[in-house]
Amino acid sequence: MIEPFNAQLPVRIRFGPGVVGGLAEVIGGRPALVVSEPPVLAIDAVAAAVAGLPLYQKQPGEPTPELVADAAARVADDRPQVLVAVGGGSAIDLAKAARLVAGQGRPIEAFLAGEAAIAVPSVDLVAVPTTSGTGSEVSGGSVVVDPVLGRKLGVAHPLMRAQDALVDPLLTLALPPEPTAYTGADALAQAIGGAIVSNGNPMSLAVGLEACRHVAAGLERSVADGSDVDARTELSLGSLMAGLAMNLSDSGADHALGHAIGSTLGLPHGLTVGLVLAETLEVNRPACAGRLERVADALGEPDDSSGDGSRAVRAVRRLLAAIGLPTLREAGVREGHIDRLVELSLADYCLTVNPRTWTERDVRAAYAAAMALDRR
């Protein structure tokens, strides 16, 4: 029986090599403010697209409440009709949070704590991703790092989504192998999540499986040769579709455990998710074997007639090894971190939407398996 479900994805998408050249048309002459980072603004196509527009330049790193307040003050002062976010997930998340704070006059902490309702924004948002992984250009979520609590916190609502997304694979050509691998691992996790999480639906399953196919077609090749336009296009499409799948459902245990690692060690988000992706899938596998079999097909893993979903986990391990993703130990996690990581993971929303109910024992088992992993 097909269960009732709701879905809403009102983002206008332009996809393909060169679409950033249409930014001026999307802005349509309205007063605009660009939120970006110096390395992104050094990309020739980006520089040309935003030439003459006012800039808010953030330094590399994920948004903090202080940074959100600063960006929101700039938005309030400039009073743009359009906010243009160009960059990776941190730049786009910052623009979402700054628009929210500037528009409603409440600090981001009020929204993170659920103390303030989210209203219809008065400023449009145009998102232009320069990485392939976060899906932030089509998501309604913004993640903020609280340095006081040592936690990553998020706020999400359909009204926070961009009105337009311009996804141009050419903007990712200069991305080095490591961030390509890390953001690609994030896209892979989101795609699989769309297929297996408990609040998924037929639409998230369909989009997630197709996202898996495109990520598998482009990720390894993009890491090996960043100038491969065909590979970059495959990966960009996979990332975009993974973001859509995530918005039709959610991300699962890999993100809960990854958020904990990122909060504790300050590591890049995509890396932290990839560090535990296969291990969390192994814990979930008995409860979603049939759907993981379809994931394995989408990832191109040969059928072994097991029917238990193990070949999907095997495909993920193979792909993560092929792109050179480090292990948990290689990334700097030590036994002394585990108790704190478990505590943070158990408090994370993403742990609540898995195909099985996770216990503290499950979380510890996943971390233990990741700590024992040797990709050599």
Protein backbone atom coordinates (compact mmCIF):
# COMPACT_ATOMS: atom_id res chain seq x y z
CA MET A 1 0.00 0.00 0.00
CA ILE A 2 1.29 3.49 -0.85
CA GLU A 3 1.14 5.75 2.20
CA PRO A 4 -0.06 9.38 1.82
CA PHE A 5 2.72 11.96 1.61
CA ASN A 6 3.34 15.67 1.04
CA ALA A 7 5.91 17.23 -1.30
CA GLN A 8 6.85 20.81 -2.17
CA LEU A 9 9.84 21.87 -4.28
CA PRO A 10 9.15 25.38 -5.60
CA VAL A 11 12.70 26.25 -6.72
CA ARG A 12 13.24 27.36 -10.33
CA ILE A 13 16.31 25.50 -11.59
CA ARG A 14 18.63 26.30 -14.46
CA PHE A 15 21.16 23.51 -15.00
CA GLY A 16 24.04 23.09 -17.41
CA PRO A 17 27.45 24.36 -18.45
CA GLY A 18 27.38 28.13 -18.79
CA VAL A 19 24.04 28.85 -17.09
CA VAL A 20 25.71 31.28 -14.66
CA GLY A 21 25.79 33.63 -17.62
CA GLY A 22 22.04 34.02 -17.16
CA LEU A 23 22.36 35.50 -13.66
CA ALA A 24 21.64 39.04 -14.84
CA GLU A 25 18.43 37.85 -16.48
CA VAL A 26 17.33 36.17 -13.26
CA ILE A 27 18.09 39.29 -11.23
CA GLY A 28 16.16 41.33 -13.77
CA GLY A 29 17.65 44.69 -12.89
CA ARG A 30 16.52 44.56 -9.26
CA PRO A 31 18.85 45.85 -6.50
CA ALA A 32 21.01 42.89 -5.47
CA LEU A 33 23.64 41.91 -2.90
CA VAL A 34 26.09 39.08 -3.55
CA VAL A 35 27.22 36.82 -0.69
CA SER A 36 30.38 34.93 -1.58
CA GLU A 37 34.03 34.22 -0.72
CA PRO A 38 37.26 35.58 -2.24
CA PRO A 39 38.36 32.25 -3.81
CA VAL A 40 34.94 31.88 -5.46
CA LEU A 41 34.97 35.45 -6.74
CA ALA A 42 38.32 34.66 -8.40
CA ILE A 43 36.58 32.23 -10.79
CA ASP A 44 36.41 34.06 -14.11
CA ALA A 45 32.81 33.12 -14.87
CA VAL A 46 31.70 34.16 -11.38
CA ALA A 47 33.58 37.45 -11.58
CA ALA A 48 31.92 38.21 -14.90
CA ALA A 49 28.45 37.26 -13.66
CA VAL A 50 28.58 39.46 -10.53
CA ALA A 51 30.56 42.36 -12.01
CA GLY A 52 29.25 45.67 -10.74
CA LEU A 53 27.07 44.16 -8.00
CA PRO A 54 27.59 45.00 -4.31
CA LEU A 55 29.49 42.26 -2.47
CA TYR A 56 29.45 40.81 1.03
CA GLN A 57 32.61 38.74 1.26
CA LYS A 58 32.79 36.08 3.95
CA GLN A 59 35.95 34.28 4.95
CA PRO A 60 36.13 30.50 4.42
CA GLY A 61 34.40 28.46 7.08
CA GLU A 62 30.91 27.56 8.21
CA PRO A 63 28.49 30.23 9.47
CA THR A 64 28.49 31.16 13.15
CA PRO A 65 25.86 33.25 14.94
CA GLU A 66 28.29 36.18 14.92
CA LEU A 67 28.84 35.90 11.17
CA VAL A 68 25.11 35.60 10.52
CA ALA A 69 24.47 38.76 12.54
CA ASP A 70 27.13 40.64 10.59
CA ALA A 71 25.79 39.52 7.21
CA ALA A 72 22.22 40.26 8.27
CA ALA A 73 23.23 43.80 9.24
CA ARG A 74 24.63 44.29 5.76
CA VAL A 75 21.41 42.97 4.19
CA ALA A 76 19.36 45.32 6.38
CA ASP A 77 21.55 48.29 5.44
CA ASP A 78 21.58 47.59 1.67
CA ARG A 79 17.92 46.59 1.45
CA PRO A 80 18.36 44.48 -1.70
CA GLN A 81 15.43 42.96 -3.49
CA VAL A 82 17.56 39.96 -4.44
CA LEU A 83 20.25 38.17 -2.44
CA VAL A 84 22.67 36.19 -4.62
CA ALA A 85 24.61 33.44 -2.83
CA VAL A 86 27.58 32.11 -4.78
CA GLY A 87 29.81 29.36 -3.41
CA GLY A 88 29.64 26.17 -1.43
CA GLY A 89 27.11 25.20 1.21
CA SER A 90 28.53 27.57 3.82
CA ALA A 91 28.02 30.65 1.63
CA ILE A 92 24.52 29.63 0.63
CA ASP A 93 23.60 28.70 4.20
CA LEU A 94 24.91 32.08 5.40
CA ALA A 95 22.76 33.91 2.86
CA LYS A 96 19.67 31.98 3.94
CA ALA A 97 20.30 32.71 7.61
CA ALA A 98 21.14 36.38 7.00
CA ARG A 99 17.98 36.86 4.95
CA LEU A 100 15.95 35.27 7.72
CA VAL A 101 17.46 37.42 10.47
CA ALA A 102 17.36 40.68 8.50
CA GLY A 103 13.79 40.11 7.39
CA GLN A 104 12.34 39.30 10.80
CA GLY A 105 14.56 41.25 13.18
CA ARG A 106 15.27 38.26 15.41
CA PRO A 107 18.72 36.74 16.07
CA ILE A 108 19.51 33.41 14.47
CA GLU A 109 19.62 31.82 17.93
CA ALA A 110 15.85 32.35 18.24
CA PHE A 111 15.24 30.36 15.07
CA LEU A 112 17.74 27.64 15.97
CA ALA A 113 15.94 27.18 19.29
CA GLY A 114 12.52 27.07 17.65
CA GLU A 115 11.43 30.22 19.49
CA ALA A 116 10.60 32.24 16.37
CA ALA A 117 8.26 31.34 13.51
CA ILE A 118 9.52 31.69 9.94
CA ALA A 119 7.63 34.16 7.75
CA VAL A 120 7.52 34.67 3.99
CA PRO A 121 10.75 36.49 3.07
CA SER A 122 10.57 39.91 1.44
CA VAL A 123 13.87 39.39 -0.38
CA ASP A 124 14.35 36.81 -3.13
CA LEU A 125 17.30 34.42 -2.97
CA VAL A 126 19.29 33.16 -5.96
CA ALA A 127 21.71 30.30 -5.21
CA VAL A 128 24.71 29.53 -7.43
CA PRO A 129 26.67 26.53 -6.12
CA THR A 130 30.36 26.13 -6.92
CA THR A 131 30.69 22.69 -5.33
CA SER A 132 28.80 19.45 -5.94
CA GLY A 133 27.53 18.06 -2.70
CA THR A 134 25.54 20.04 -0.18
CA GLY A 135 22.32 20.52 -2.16
CA SER A 136 21.91 23.82 -0.32
CA GLU A 137 20.85 25.55 -3.54
CA VAL A 138 17.53 23.67 -3.41
CA SER A 139 17.19 22.98 0.31
CA GLY A 140 15.29 24.89 2.96
CA GLY A 141 17.90 24.35 5.64
CA SER A 142 20.77 26.39 7.05
CA VAL A 143 23.44 24.96 9.34
CA VAL A 144 25.20 27.21 11.86
CA VAL A 145 28.15 26.29 14.07
CA ASP A 146 27.78 27.40 17.68
CA PRO A 147 31.35 27.73 19.00
CA VAL A 148 30.13 28.15 22.58
CA LEU A 149 28.15 24.90 22.66
CA GLY A 150 30.54 23.14 20.31
CA ARG A 151 27.63 21.97 18.18
CA LYS A 152 26.26 22.28 14.69
CA LEU A 153 22.68 23.53 14.80
CA GLY A 154 20.21 23.91 11.99
CA VAL A 155 16.98 25.63 11.06
CA ALA A 156 14.86 24.45 8.14
CA HIS A 157 11.62 25.51 6.51
CA PRO A 158 10.26 25.50 2.94
CA LEU A 159 10.10 29.32 3.07
CA MET A 160 13.89 29.42 3.45
CA ARG A 161 14.49 27.90 0.02
CA ALA A 162 15.95 29.94 -2.79
CA GLN A 163 13.59 31.15 -5.48
CA ASP A 164 16.14 30.34 -8.20
CA ALA A 165 19.10 27.97 -8.48
CA LEU A 166 21.70 28.24 -11.24
CA VAL A 167 23.71 25.02 -11.27
CA ASP A 168 26.68 25.41 -13.61
CA PRO A 169 29.12 22.46 -13.65
CA LEU A 170 31.84 24.68 -15.15
CA LEU A 171 32.07 26.53 -11.84
CA THR A 172 33.33 23.34 -10.18
CA LEU A 173 36.24 22.70 -12.57
CA ALA A 174 38.82 24.39 -10.35
CA LEU A 175 37.71 22.61 -7.17
CA PRO A 176 40.68 20.54 -5.88
CA PRO A 177 40.42 16.75 -5.46
CA GLU A 178 39.87 16.72 -1.68
CA PRO A 179 36.84 19.06 -1.52
CA THR A 180 35.50 17.37 -4.65
CA ALA A 181 35.69 14.05 -2.84
CA TYR A 182 34.22 15.39 0.39
CA THR A 183 31.27 17.19 -1.17
CA GLY A 184 30.66 14.20 -3.44
CA ALA A 185 30.48 11.92 -0.42
CA ASP A 186 27.84 14.24 1.03
CA ALA A 187 25.82 14.06 -2.19
CA LEU A 188 26.06 10.27 -2.15
CA ALA A 189 24.79 10.14 1.44
CA GLN A 190 21.88 12.47 0.66
CA ALA A 191 20.94 10.44 -2.40
CA ILE A 192 20.91 7.19 -0.44
CA GLY A 193 19.03 8.87 2.40
CA GLY A 194 16.25 9.81 -0.01
CA ALA A 195 15.84 6.12 -0.73
CA ILE A 196 15.91 4.68 2.78
CA VAL A 197 14.92 7.16 5.52
CA SER A 198 11.66 6.60 7.36
CA ASN A 199 10.05 9.85 6.26
CA GLY A 200 10.84 9.28 2.59
CA ASN A 201 8.23 8.72 -0.08
CA PRO A 202 8.00 7.46 -3.68
CA MET A 203 9.27 10.80 -5.00
CA SER A 204 12.33 10.91 -2.73
CA LEU A 205 13.05 7.29 -3.61
CA ALA A 206 12.89 7.92 -7.36
CA VAL A 207 14.96 11.11 -7.25
CA GLY A 208 17.42 9.60 -4.78
CA LEU A 209 18.07 6.55 -6.93
CA GLU A 210 18.65 8.67 -10.02
CA ALA A 211 20.95 10.89 -7.97
CA CYS A 212 22.93 7.78 -6.97
CA ARG A 213 23.37 6.89 -10.63
CA HIS A 214 24.74 10.29 -11.57
CA VAL A 215 27.01 10.58 -8.51
CA ALA A 216 28.45 7.15 -9.28
CA ALA A 217 29.00 8.18 -12.90
CA GLY A 218 30.87 11.37 -12.05
CA LEU A 219 32.47 11.30 -8.61
CA GLU A 220 35.55 9.14 -9.11
CA ARG A 221 36.30 10.69 -12.50
CA SER A 222 35.90 14.23 -11.14
CA VAL A 223 38.36 13.53 -8.34
CA ALA A 224 40.85 11.97 -10.75
CA ASP A 225 40.58 14.76 -13.34
CA GLY A 226 38.89 17.96 -12.25
CA SER A 227 38.90 19.31 -15.81
CA ASP A 228 36.66 16.49 -17.10
CA VAL A 229 33.54 18.47 -18.00
CA ASP A 230 31.41 15.39 -18.60
CA ALA A 231 32.32 13.96 -15.18
CA ARG A 232 31.72 17.31 -13.49
CA THR A 233 28.33 17.59 -15.18
CA GLU A 234 27.33 14.12 -14.00
CA LEU A 235 28.41 14.94 -10.45
CA SER A 236 26.70 18.34 -10.48
CA LEU A 237 23.44 16.76 -11.60
CA GLY A 238 23.79 14.01 -9.00
CA SER A 239 24.39 16.61 -6.30
CA LEU A 240 21.40 18.69 -7.41
CA MET A 241 19.10 15.66 -7.44
CA ALA A 242 20.45 14.47 -4.08
CA GLY A 243 19.53 17.87 -2.66
CA LEU A 244 16.04 17.52 -4.07
CA ALA A 245 15.74 14.01 -2.62
CA MET A 246 16.85 15.33 0.78
CA ASN A 247 14.14 17.99 0.60
CA LEU A 248 11.53 15.37 -0.17
CA SER A 249 12.67 13.36 2.86
CA ASP A 250 15.70 13.90 5.11
CA SER A 251 19.23 12.74 5.77
CA GLY A 252 19.82 9.87 8.16
CA ALA A 253 22.29 8.50 10.68
CA ASP A 254 25.33 9.30 8.54
CA HIS A 255 24.54 12.99 8.97
CA ALA A 256 23.83 12.67 12.70
CA LEU A 257 27.18 11.00 13.36
CA GLY A 258 28.91 13.27 10.85
CA HIS A 259 27.52 16.42 12.48
CA ALA A 260 28.97 15.23 15.79
CA ILE A 261 32.42 14.71 14.26
CA GLY A 262 32.33 18.10 12.57
CA SER A 263 31.27 19.89 15.74
CA THR A 264 33.98 18.19 17.80
CA LEU A 265 36.94 18.28 15.43
CA GLY A 266 36.04 21.13 13.07
CA LEU A 267 36.30 18.94 9.98
CA PRO A 268 34.53 19.63 6.65
CA HIS A 269 30.92 18.47 6.60
CA GLY A 270 31.14 16.18 3.56
CA LEU A 271 34.24 14.48 4.94
CA THR A 272 32.58 13.77 8.29
CA VAL A 273 29.54 12.23 6.60
CA GLY A 274 31.70 10.06 4.35
CA LEU A 275 33.73 8.83 7.33
CA VAL A 276 30.69 6.98 8.71
CA LEU A 277 28.46 6.47 5.67
CA ALA A 278 29.10 2.77 5.05
CA GLU A 279 29.07 1.94 8.75
CA THR A 280 25.70 3.61 9.38
CA LEU A 281 24.26 1.89 6.32
CA GLU A 282 25.39 -1.44 7.75
CA VAL A 283 23.45 -0.75 10.96
CA ASN A 284 20.37 0.31 8.98
CA ARG A 285 20.66 -2.47 6.40
CA PRO A 286 18.45 -5.16 8.01
CA ALA A 287 15.53 -2.72 8.08
CA CYS A 288 15.83 -1.53 4.46
CA ALA A 289 17.48 -4.34 2.51
CA GLY A 290 15.06 -4.13 -0.41
CA ARG A 291 15.63 -0.42 -0.95
CA LEU A 292 19.38 -0.83 -0.57
CA GLU A 293 19.25 -3.45 -3.32
CA ARG A 294 17.87 -0.73 -5.59
CA VAL A 295 20.61 1.63 -4.41
CA ALA A 296 23.19 -1.00 -5.32
CA ASP A 297 21.71 -1.28 -8.81
CA ALA A 298 21.86 2.52 -9.20
CA LEU A 299 25.51 2.51 -8.09
CA GLY A 300 26.33 -0.16 -10.67
CA GLU A 301 27.23 -2.91 -8.19
CA PRO A 302 26.95 -6.41 -9.75
CA ASP A 303 24.10 -8.57 -8.44
CA ASP A 304 25.28 -11.32 -6.10
CA SER A 305 21.82 -12.77 -5.42
CA SER A 306 22.15 -12.08 -1.70
CA GLY A 307 19.15 -9.75 -1.61
CA ASP A 308 20.23 -8.41 1.78
CA GLY A 309 21.46 -4.95 0.77
CA SER A 310 25.08 -5.77 1.56
CA ARG A 311 26.20 -5.04 -1.97
CA ALA A 312 25.04 -1.42 -1.58
CA VAL A 313 27.32 -1.07 1.43
CA ARG A 314 30.07 -2.72 -0.60
CA ALA A 315 29.51 -0.28 -3.48
CA VAL A 316 29.75 2.67 -1.09
CA ARG A 317 32.96 1.34 0.44
CA ARG A 318 34.43 0.82 -3.04
CA LEU A 319 33.57 4.34 -4.18
CA LEU A 320 34.84 6.03 -1.02
CA ALA A 321 38.11 4.12 -1.29
CA ALA A 322 38.42 5.03 -4.97
CA ILE A 323 38.22 8.76 -4.20
CA GLY A 324 40.80 8.48 -1.43
CA LEU A 325 38.52 9.31 1.49
CA PRO A 326 40.46 8.92 4.74
CA THR A 327 39.34 6.72 7.60
CA LEU A 328 38.02 7.98 10.91
CA ARG A 329 41.42 7.47 12.56
CA GLU A 330 43.25 9.13 9.69
CA ALA A 331 40.94 12.13 10.08
CA GLY A 332 42.05 12.53 13.70
CA VAL A 333 39.29 10.85 15.71
CA ARG A 334 40.55 9.06 18.82
CA GLU A 335 38.93 6.82 21.43
CA GLY A 336 38.79 9.77 23.81
CA HIS A 337 36.37 11.53 21.45
CA ILE A 338 33.81 8.74 21.26
CA ASP A 339 31.73 9.49 24.35
CA ARG A 340 31.22 13.10 23.24
CA LEU A 341 30.46 11.99 19.68
CA VAL A 342 27.84 9.54 20.93
CA GLU A 343 26.23 12.21 23.11
CA LEU A 344 25.96 14.66 20.21
CA SER A 345 24.73 12.00 17.79
CA LEU A 346 21.92 10.88 20.07
CA ALA A 347 20.69 14.48 20.29
CA ASP A 348 20.70 14.98 16.51
CA TYR A 349 17.39 15.07 14.61
CA CYS A 350 18.82 13.01 11.74
CA LEU A 351 19.03 10.00 14.03
CA THR A 352 15.22 9.97 14.33
CA VAL A 353 14.38 9.35 10.65
CA ASN A 354 16.21 6.11 10.00
CA PRO A 355 14.53 2.90 8.83
CA ARG A 356 15.19 1.48 12.30
CA THR A 357 15.25 3.05 15.75
CA TRP A 358 18.82 3.72 16.79
CA THR A 359 20.06 3.10 20.32
CA GLU A 360 23.25 4.24 22.01
CA ARG A 361 24.60 0.77 21.33
CA ASP A 362 23.98 1.22 17.59
CA VAL A 363 25.77 4.58 17.56
CA ARG A 364 28.75 3.14 19.40
CA ALA A 365 28.84 0.15 17.04
CA ALA A 366 28.91 2.38 13.97
CA TYR A 367 31.73 4.49 15.39
CA ALA A 368 33.65 1.36 16.43
CA ALA A 369 33.37 -0.09 12.94
CA ALA A 370 34.55 3.18 11.41
CA MET A 371 37.45 3.36 13.85
CA ALA A 372 38.50 -0.18 12.88
CA LEU A 373 38.38 0.52 9.13
CA ASP A 374 41.53 0.25 7.04
CA ARG A 375 41.05 1.18 3.37
CA ARG A 376 44.46 -0.16 2.31
